[in-house]
């Protein structure tokens, strides 16, 4: 009776793995078409332009009060 139980268990168990991943477990390769590349480039450009405008705005807002330089002929002392 004991031998027949072991034979039945071998029939029920799945085959042992051989070390390879099953196809459905593998990650799908990344595919980006021309539209995706164009959107990524446009998004990067817009982000860079927005960051530049923000930094320039902060520099203007936080910067010291500056007076424009006058030409040499206008620098005479008034007496």
C-alpha atoms as a PDB file:
ATOM      1  CA  UNK A   1       0.000   0.000   0.000  1.00  0.00           C
ATOM      2  CA  UNK A   2       2.806   2.412   0.763  1.00  0.00           C
ATOM      3  CA  UNK A   3       4.423   1.993  -2.645  1.00  0.00           C
ATOM      4  CA  UNK A   4       1.207   2.818  -4.489  1.00  0.00           C
ATOM      5  CA  UNK A   5       0.852   6.077  -2.545  1.00  0.00           C
ATOM      6  CA  UNK A   6       4.331   7.220  -3.631  1.00  0.00           C
ATOM      7  CA  UNK A   7       3.550   6.369  -7.240  1.00  0.00           C
ATOM      8  CA  UNK A   8       0.387   8.473  -7.086  1.00  0.00           C
ATOM      9  CA  UNK A   9       2.259  11.446  -5.620  1.00  0.00           C
ATOM     10  CA  UNK A  10       4.758  11.440  -8.479  1.00  0.00           C
ATOM     11  CA  UNK A  11       1.889  11.683 -10.950  1.00  0.00           C
ATOM     12  CA  UNK A  12       0.325  14.671  -9.144  1.00  0.00           C
ATOM     13  CA  UNK A  13       3.447  16.822  -8.630  1.00  0.00           C
ATOM     14  CA  UNK A  14       4.454  19.201 -11.434  1.00  0.00           C
ATOM     15  CA  UNK A  15       7.748  18.588 -13.198  1.00  0.00           C
ATOM     16  CA  UNK A  16      10.798  20.075 -11.522  1.00  0.00           C
ATOM     17  CA  UNK A  17      11.982  23.419 -12.898  1.00  0.00           C
ATOM     18  CA  UNK A  18      15.089  23.419 -15.038  1.00  0.00           C
ATOM     19  CA  UNK A  19      16.278  26.914 -14.039  1.00  0.00           C
ATOM     20  CA  UNK A  20      14.774  28.875 -16.930  1.00  0.00           C
ATOM     21  CA  UNK A  21      12.139  31.564 -16.505  1.00  0.00           C
ATOM     22  CA  UNK A  22       8.713  30.823 -17.802  1.00  0.00           C
ATOM     23  CA  UNK A  23       7.820  32.986 -20.804  1.00  0.00           C
ATOM     24  CA  UNK A  24       4.943  34.775 -19.069  1.00  0.00           C
ATOM     25  CA  UNK A  25       7.203  35.742 -16.154  1.00  0.00           C
ATOM     26  CA  UNK A  26       9.739  37.594 -18.303  1.00  0.00           C
ATOM     27  CA  UNK A  27       9.516  41.364 -18.477  1.00  0.00           C
ATOM     28  CA  UNK A  28       8.177  42.738 -21.701  1.00  0.00           C
ATOM     29  CA  UNK A  29      10.797  44.634 -23.736  1.00  0.00           C
ATOM     30  CA  UNK A  30      10.402  48.404 -23.756  1.00  0.00           C
ATOM     31  CA  UNK A  31       9.109  49.673 -27.079  1.00  0.00           C
ATOM     32  CA  UNK A  32       8.771  53.366 -27.850  1.00  0.00           C
ATOM     33  CA  UNK A  33       7.698  54.506 -31.262  1.00  0.00           C
ATOM     34  CA  UNK A  34       8.384  57.786 -33.041  1.00  0.00           C
ATOM     35  CA  UNK A  35       5.429  59.451 -31.327  1.00  0.00           C
ATOM     36  CA  UNK A  36       6.764  58.512 -27.897  1.00  0.00           C
ATOM     37  CA  UNK A  37      10.228  59.841 -28.688  1.00  0.00           C
ATOM     38  CA  UNK A  38       8.731  63.088 -30.007  1.00  0.00           C
ATOM     39  CA  UNK A  39       6.610  63.510 -26.888  1.00  0.00           C
ATOM     40  CA  UNK A  40       9.597  62.848 -24.637  1.00  0.00           C
ATOM     41  CA  UNK A  41      11.728  65.415 -26.492  1.00  0.00           C
ATOM     42  CA  UNK A  42       8.950  68.029 -26.423  1.00  0.00           C
ATOM     43  CA  UNK A  43       8.347  67.396 -22.738  1.00  0.00           C
ATOM     44  CA  UNK A  44      12.045  67.729 -21.918  1.00  0.00           C
ATOM     45  CA  UNK A  45      12.247  70.986 -23.889  1.00  0.00           C
ATOM     46  CA  UNK A  46       9.157  72.411 -22.175  1.00  0.00           C
ATOM     47  CA  UNK A  47      10.474  71.415 -18.757  1.00  0.00           C
ATOM     48  CA  UNK A  48      13.835  73.054 -19.480  1.00  0.00           C
ATOM     49  CA  UNK A  49      12.216  76.243 -20.773  1.00  0.00           C
ATOM     50  CA  UNK A  50       9.927  76.429 -17.747  1.00  0.00           C
ATOM     51  CA  UNK A  51      12.832  75.884 -15.360  1.00  0.00           C
ATOM     52  CA  UNK A  52      14.869  78.589 -17.112  1.00  0.00           C
ATOM     53  CA  UNK A  53      12.032  81.101 -16.908  1.00  0.00           C
ATOM     54  CA  UNK A  54      11.490  80.245 -13.239  1.00  0.00           C
ATOM     55  CA  UNK A  55      15.177  80.699 -12.374  1.00  0.00           C
ATOM     56  CA  UNK A  56      15.375  83.998 -14.258  1.00  0.00           C
ATOM     57  CA  UNK A  57      12.221  85.204 -12.517  1.00  0.00           C
ATOM     58  CA  UNK A  58      13.603  84.293  -9.100  1.00  0.00           C
ATOM     59  CA  UNK A  59      16.907  85.995  -9.880  1.00  0.00           C
ATOM     60  CA  UNK A  60      15.066  89.163 -10.859  1.00  0.00           C
ATOM     61  CA  UNK A  61      12.759  89.036  -7.841  1.00  0.00           C
ATOM     62  CA  UNK A  62      15.455  88.229  -5.287  1.00  0.00           C
ATOM     63  CA  UNK A  63      18.307  90.194  -6.875  1.00  0.00           C
ATOM     64  CA  UNK A  64      19.565  93.558  -5.680  1.00  0.00           C
ATOM     65  CA  UNK A  65      18.151  96.785  -7.035  1.00  0.00           C
ATOM     66  CA  UNK A  66      20.336  97.765  -9.944  1.00  0.00           C
ATOM     67  CA  UNK A  67      20.598 101.022 -11.797  1.00  0.00           C
ATOM     68  CA  UNK A  68      21.526 100.980 -15.465  1.00  0.00           C
ATOM     69  CA  UNK A  69      25.052 102.212 -16.174  1.00  0.00           C
ATOM     70  CA  UNK A  70      25.146 105.735 -17.553  1.00  0.00           C
ATOM     71  CA  UNK A  71      27.429 106.637 -20.448  1.00  0.00           C
ATOM     72  CA  UNK A  72      30.713 108.426 -19.680  1.00  0.00           C
ATOM     73  CA  UNK A  73      29.510 111.766 -20.995  1.00  0.00           C
ATOM     74  CA  UNK A  74      26.565 111.683 -18.567  1.00  0.00           C
ATOM     75  CA  UNK A  75      28.737 111.081 -15.496  1.00  0.00           C
ATOM     76  CA  UNK A  76      29.761 114.722 -14.984  1.00  0.00           C
ATOM     77  CA  UNK A  77      29.375 116.069 -11.524  1.00  0.00           C
ATOM     78  CA  UNK A  78      26.805 118.742 -11.112  1.00  0.00           C
ATOM     79  CA  UNK A  79      27.981 121.690  -9.116  1.00  0.00           C
END
